[in-house]
């Protein structure tokens, strides 16, 4: 059977519904699970300086105002660290149920395009199977909303098990 399984989570209740399926698939055999979540790269956060009135662009024309520059709240590096820490806690917490069943679980957080990062992680960790939940959209819904699962499946990078949890419409 499968020895190394990559399971994707995106923070949604739908994606988390794959976890009982993983547990059921593994059953009593020895397999390790890599839980992966992928986030968009964060940006710095800024806010206007307190007490500084910013004039509408139409009123300032080409003139510049002094002291109206936004105050940096969080740099890109700080944002990456904060988001990474939050996501690591999330993925670790979601792995508890599997660990309690004696399954070896590794947590991975990546930044970038979800499909690309899933494929890269599958290669890096040399997994035998990728598992994810999906809405199961087809036709026009697939075209409009796109599908990370569809892109990964089309790549042929690894075998996939895409589950449409019961009750999902």
C-alpha atoms as a PDB file:
ATOM      1  CA  UNK A   1       0.000   0.000   0.000  1.00  0.00           C
ATOM      2  CA  UNK A   2       0.995   3.621   0.384  1.00  0.00           C
ATOM      3  CA  UNK A   3       3.853   4.511   2.710  1.00  0.00           C
ATOM      4  CA  UNK A   4       3.955   8.301   2.345  1.00  0.00           C
ATOM      5  CA  UNK A   5       0.778  10.326   1.862  1.00  0.00           C
ATOM      6  CA  UNK A   6       0.555  14.062   1.210  1.00  0.00           C
ATOM      7  CA  UNK A   7      -2.673  15.607   2.507  1.00  0.00           C
ATOM      8  CA  UNK A   8      -3.597  19.161   1.581  1.00  0.00           C
ATOM      9  CA  UNK A   9      -5.458  21.546   3.871  1.00  0.00           C
ATOM     10  CA  UNK A  10      -6.510  25.080   2.994  1.00  0.00           C
ATOM     11  CA  UNK A  11      -8.067  26.134   6.288  1.00  0.00           C
ATOM     12  CA  UNK A  12     -11.621  25.461   5.164  1.00  0.00           C
ATOM     13  CA  UNK A  13     -13.966  23.005   6.852  1.00  0.00           C
ATOM     14  CA  UNK A  14     -14.265  21.244   3.472  1.00  0.00           C
ATOM     15  CA  UNK A  15     -10.541  20.557   3.226  1.00  0.00           C
ATOM     16  CA  UNK A  16     -10.449  19.278   6.811  1.00  0.00           C
ATOM     17  CA  UNK A  17     -13.090  16.669   5.988  1.00  0.00           C
ATOM     18  CA  UNK A  18     -10.340  14.690   4.243  1.00  0.00           C
ATOM     19  CA  UNK A  19      -8.736  13.790   7.597  1.00  0.00           C
ATOM     20  CA  UNK A  20     -11.170  11.010   8.584  1.00  0.00           C
ATOM     21  CA  UNK A  21     -10.771   9.630   5.046  1.00  0.00           C
ATOM     22  CA  UNK A  22      -6.992   9.547   5.528  1.00  0.00           C
ATOM     23  CA  UNK A  23      -7.396   7.714   8.816  1.00  0.00           C
ATOM     24  CA  UNK A  24      -9.760   5.199   7.228  1.00  0.00           C
ATOM     25  CA  UNK A  25      -7.510   4.647   4.206  1.00  0.00           C
ATOM     26  CA  UNK A  26      -4.433   4.006   6.327  1.00  0.00           C
ATOM     27  CA  UNK A  27      -6.263   1.663   8.677  1.00  0.00           C
ATOM     28  CA  UNK A  28      -3.722  -0.499  10.487  1.00  0.00           C
ATOM     29  CA  UNK A  29      -0.792  -0.355   8.118  1.00  0.00           C
ATOM     30  CA  UNK A  30       2.315   1.741   8.667  1.00  0.00           C
ATOM     31  CA  UNK A  31       2.203   4.977   6.708  1.00  0.00           C
ATOM     32  CA  UNK A  32       3.345   8.520   7.306  1.00  0.00           C
ATOM     33  CA  UNK A  33       1.329  11.603   6.479  1.00  0.00           C
ATOM     34  CA  UNK A  34       2.582  15.010   5.446  1.00  0.00           C
ATOM     35  CA  UNK A  35      -0.028  17.692   6.084  1.00  0.00           C
ATOM     36  CA  UNK A  36       0.485  20.635   3.748  1.00  0.00           C
ATOM     37  CA  UNK A  37      -1.064  24.057   3.669  1.00  0.00           C
ATOM     38  CA  UNK A  38      -0.161  26.715   1.113  1.00  0.00           C
ATOM     39  CA  UNK A  39      -0.744  30.439   1.536  1.00  0.00           C
ATOM     40  CA  UNK A  40      -0.347  33.439  -0.711  1.00  0.00           C
ATOM     41  CA  UNK A  41       2.812  35.390   0.079  1.00  0.00           C
ATOM     42  CA  UNK A  42       1.888  38.081   2.622  1.00  0.00           C
ATOM     43  CA  UNK A  43       2.528  41.773   2.090  1.00  0.00           C
ATOM     44  CA  UNK A  44       3.616  44.486   4.463  1.00  0.00           C
ATOM     45  CA  UNK A  45       0.915  46.252   6.426  1.00  0.00           C
ATOM     46  CA  UNK A  46       0.721  49.998   6.688  1.00  0.00           C
ATOM     47  CA  UNK A  47      -1.652  52.531   8.175  1.00  0.00           C
ATOM     48  CA  UNK A  48      -1.866  56.289   7.988  1.00  0.00           C
ATOM     49  CA  UNK A  49       0.034  58.191  10.637  1.00  0.00           C
ATOM     50  CA  UNK A  50      -2.195  59.274  13.494  1.00  0.00           C
ATOM     51  CA  UNK A  51      -3.276  62.906  13.360  1.00  0.00           C
ATOM     52  CA  UNK A  52      -2.257  63.400   9.730  1.00  0.00           C
ATOM     53  CA  UNK A  53      -5.056  64.314   7.377  1.00  0.00           C
ATOM     54  CA  UNK A  54      -4.579  62.918   3.922  1.00  0.00           C
ATOM     55  CA  UNK A  55      -6.007  65.031   1.151  1.00  0.00           C
ATOM     56  CA  UNK A  56      -7.856  63.331  -1.690  1.00  0.00           C
ATOM     57  CA  UNK A  57      -5.659  62.863  -4.764  1.00  0.00           C
ATOM     58  CA  UNK A  58      -7.865  65.196  -6.780  1.00  0.00           C
ATOM     59  CA  UNK A  59      -7.126  68.017  -4.325  1.00  0.00           C
ATOM     60  CA  UNK A  60      -3.368  67.518  -4.167  1.00  0.00           C
ATOM     61  CA  UNK A  61      -2.771  67.367  -7.924  1.00  0.00           C
ATOM     62  CA  UNK A  62       0.924  66.893  -8.468  1.00  0.00           C
ATOM     63  CA  UNK A  63       1.855  68.457  -5.131  1.00  0.00           C
ATOM     64  CA  UNK A  64       3.280  66.222  -2.473  1.00  0.00           C
ATOM     65  CA  UNK A  65       2.306  66.355   1.148  1.00  0.00           C
ATOM     66  CA  UNK A  66       4.855  65.937   3.880  1.00  0.00           C
ATOM     67  CA  UNK A  67       4.259  63.664   6.784  1.00  0.00           C
ATOM     68  CA  UNK A  68       1.374  61.883   5.067  1.00  0.00           C
ATOM     69  CA  UNK A  69       3.352  58.742   4.307  1.00  0.00           C
ATOM     70  CA  UNK A  70       1.793  55.662   5.853  1.00  0.00           C
ATOM     71  CA  UNK A  71       3.407  54.251   8.948  1.00  0.00           C
ATOM     72  CA  UNK A  72       4.705  50.724   8.502  1.00  0.00           C
ATOM     73  CA  UNK A  73       3.023  48.337  10.910  1.00  0.00           C
ATOM     74  CA  UNK A  74       4.561  45.076   9.724  1.00  0.00           C
ATOM     75  CA  UNK A  75       7.340  44.395   7.227  1.00  0.00           C
ATOM     76  CA  UNK A  76       7.083  41.621   4.651  1.00  0.00           C
ATOM     77  CA  UNK A  77       9.499  39.497   6.705  1.00  0.00           C
ATOM     78  CA  UNK A  78       7.416  40.032   9.841  1.00  0.00           C
ATOM     79  CA  UNK A  79       4.235  39.201   7.916  1.00  0.00           C
ATOM     80  CA  UNK A  80       5.813  35.980   6.583  1.00  0.00           C
ATOM     81  CA  UNK A  81       6.863  34.991  10.099  1.00  0.00           C
ATOM     82  CA  UNK A  82       3.433  35.778  11.590  1.00  0.00           C
ATOM     83  CA  UNK A  83       1.491  33.941   8.874  1.00  0.00           C
ATOM     84  CA  UNK A  84       3.891  30.985   8.907  1.00  0.00           C
ATOM     85  CA  UNK A  85       3.551  30.686  12.702  1.00  0.00           C
ATOM     86  CA  UNK A  86      -0.269  30.832  12.483  1.00  0.00           C
ATOM     87  CA  UNK A  87      -0.379  28.217   9.734  1.00  0.00           C
ATOM     88  CA  UNK A  88       2.085  25.930  11.502  1.00  0.00           C
ATOM     89  CA  UNK A  89      -0.137  25.987  14.602  1.00  0.00           C
ATOM     90  CA  UNK A  90      -3.189  25.245  12.416  1.00  0.00           C
ATOM     91  CA  UNK A  91      -1.581  22.286  10.620  1.00  0.00           C
ATOM     92  CA  UNK A  92      -0.115  20.888  13.847  1.00  0.00           C
ATOM     93  CA  UNK A  93      -3.522  21.064  15.534  1.00  0.00           C
ATOM     94  CA  UNK A  94      -5.200  19.293  12.597  1.00  0.00           C
ATOM     95  CA  UNK A  95      -2.628  16.498  12.834  1.00  0.00           C
ATOM     96  CA  UNK A  96      -3.448  15.659  16.462  1.00  0.00           C
ATOM     97  CA  UNK A  97      -6.278  13.239  15.647  1.00  0.00           C
ATOM     98  CA  UNK A  98      -4.032  11.292  13.272  1.00  0.00           C
ATOM     99  CA  UNK A  99      -1.156  11.256  15.752  1.00  0.00           C
ATOM    100  CA  UNK A 100      -3.517   9.995  18.451  1.00  0.00           C
ATOM    101  CA  UNK A 101      -4.171   6.990  16.178  1.00  0.00           C
ATOM    102  CA  UNK A 102      -0.426   6.271  15.999  1.00  0.00           C
ATOM    103  CA  UNK A 103       0.089   7.762  12.536  1.00  0.00           C
ATOM    104  CA  UNK A 104       3.362   9.611  11.927  1.00  0.00           C
ATOM    105  CA  UNK A 105       2.492  13.156  10.844  1.00  0.00           C
ATOM    106  CA  UNK A 106       4.730  15.913   9.523  1.00  0.00           C
ATOM    107  CA  UNK A 107       3.460  19.455   9.051  1.00  0.00           C
ATOM    108  CA  UNK A 108       4.546  21.661   6.154  1.00  0.00           C
ATOM    109  CA  UNK A 109       3.702  25.286   5.381  1.00  0.00           C
ATOM    110  CA  UNK A 110       4.558  26.796   2.004  1.00  0.00           C
ATOM    111  CA  UNK A 111       3.911  30.086   0.260  1.00  0.00           C
ATOM    112  CA  UNK A 112       2.995  30.470  -3.402  1.00  0.00           C
ATOM    113  CA  UNK A 113       0.634  29.011  -5.963  1.00  0.00           C
ATOM    114  CA  UNK A 114      -1.227  26.113  -4.283  1.00  0.00           C
ATOM    115  CA  UNK A 115      -1.067  23.675  -7.211  1.00  0.00           C
ATOM    116  CA  UNK A 116       2.613  24.368  -7.869  1.00  0.00           C
ATOM    117  CA  UNK A 117       3.516  24.019  -4.193  1.00  0.00           C
ATOM    118  CA  UNK A 118       1.550  20.777  -3.832  1.00  0.00           C
ATOM    119  CA  UNK A 119       3.406  19.295  -6.795  1.00  0.00           C
ATOM    120  CA  UNK A 120       6.779  20.499  -5.486  1.00  0.00           C
ATOM    121  CA  UNK A 121       6.062  19.137  -2.015  1.00  0.00           C
ATOM    122  CA  UNK A 122       5.012  15.773  -3.483  1.00  0.00           C
ATOM    123  CA  UNK A 123       8.363  15.529  -5.246  1.00  0.00           C
ATOM    124  CA  UNK A 124      10.394  16.787  -2.277  1.00  0.00           C
ATOM    125  CA  UNK A 125       8.839  14.380   0.206  1.00  0.00           C
ATOM    126  CA  UNK A 126       8.684  11.522  -2.316  1.00  0.00           C
ATOM    127  CA  UNK A 127       5.068  10.738  -1.468  1.00  0.00           C
ATOM    128  CA  UNK A 128       3.195   7.789  -2.940  1.00  0.00           C
ATOM    129  CA  UNK A 129      -0.230   9.459  -2.903  1.00  0.00           C
ATOM    130  CA  UNK A 130      -1.753  12.941  -2.725  1.00  0.00           C
ATOM    131  CA  UNK A 131      -5.106  13.233  -0.950  1.00  0.00           C
ATOM    132  CA  UNK A 132      -7.387  16.247  -0.949  1.00  0.00           C
ATOM    133  CA  UNK A 133     -11.017  17.180  -0.632  1.00  0.00           C
ATOM    134  CA  UNK A 134     -12.801  18.885  -3.493  1.00  0.00           C
ATOM    135  CA  UNK A 135     -16.157  20.495  -4.188  1.00  0.00           C
ATOM    136  CA  UNK A 136     -16.390  18.179  -7.172  1.00  0.00           C
ATOM    137  CA  UNK A 137     -17.329  20.927  -9.598  1.00  0.00           C
ATOM    138  CA  UNK A 138     -17.503  20.020 -13.246  1.00  0.00           C
ATOM    139  CA  UNK A 139     -18.240  21.814 -16.486  1.00  0.00           C
ATOM    140  CA  UNK A 140     -18.839  25.552 -16.212  1.00  0.00           C
ATOM    141  CA  UNK A 141     -18.275  25.586 -12.432  1.00  0.00           C
ATOM    142  CA  UNK A 142     -14.834  24.088 -13.009  1.00  0.00           C
ATOM    143  CA  UNK A 143     -14.010  26.716 -15.634  1.00  0.00           C
ATOM    144  CA  UNK A 144     -15.265  29.648 -13.548  1.00  0.00           C
ATOM    145  CA  UNK A 145     -13.814  28.626 -10.187  1.00  0.00           C
ATOM    146  CA  UNK A 146     -10.791  26.675 -11.397  1.00  0.00           C
ATOM    147  CA  UNK A 147      -9.485  23.736  -9.495  1.00  0.00           C
ATOM    148  CA  UNK A 148      -6.268  23.183  -7.631  1.00  0.00           C
ATOM    149  CA  UNK A 149      -7.090  19.478  -7.583  1.00  0.00           C
ATOM    150  CA  UNK A 150      -7.610  19.492 -11.350  1.00  0.00           C
ATOM    151  CA  UNK A 151      -4.266  21.169 -11.996  1.00  0.00           C
ATOM    152  CA  UNK A 152      -2.383  18.764  -9.739  1.00  0.00           C
ATOM    153  CA  UNK A 153      -4.180  15.781 -11.242  1.00  0.00           C
ATOM    154  CA  UNK A 154      -3.446  16.938 -14.784  1.00  0.00           C
ATOM    155  CA  UNK A 155       0.252  17.271 -13.934  1.00  0.00           C
ATOM    156  CA  UNK A 156       0.501  13.534 -13.296  1.00  0.00           C
ATOM    157  CA  UNK A 157       3.129  14.248 -10.636  1.00  0.00           C
ATOM    158  CA  UNK A 158       1.798  11.533  -8.292  1.00  0.00           C
ATOM    159  CA  UNK A 159      -1.283   9.357  -7.911  1.00  0.00           C
ATOM    160  CA  UNK A 160      -4.155  11.294  -6.351  1.00  0.00           C
ATOM    161  CA  UNK A 161      -7.217  10.506  -4.340  1.00  0.00           C
ATOM    162  CA  UNK A 162      -9.659  13.404  -4.542  1.00  0.00           C
ATOM    163  CA  UNK A 163     -12.586  13.033  -2.181  1.00  0.00           C
ATOM    164  CA  UNK A 164     -15.862  14.887  -2.377  1.00  0.00           C
ATOM    165  CA  UNK A 165     -17.076  14.675   1.217  1.00  0.00           C
ATOM    166  CA  UNK A 166     -20.681  13.635   1.777  1.00  0.00           C
ATOM    167  CA  UNK A 167     -23.113  16.519   1.889  1.00  0.00           C
ATOM    168  CA  UNK A 168     -20.979  18.824  -0.269  1.00  0.00           C
ATOM    169  CA  UNK A 169     -22.901  20.488  -3.058  1.00  0.00           C
END
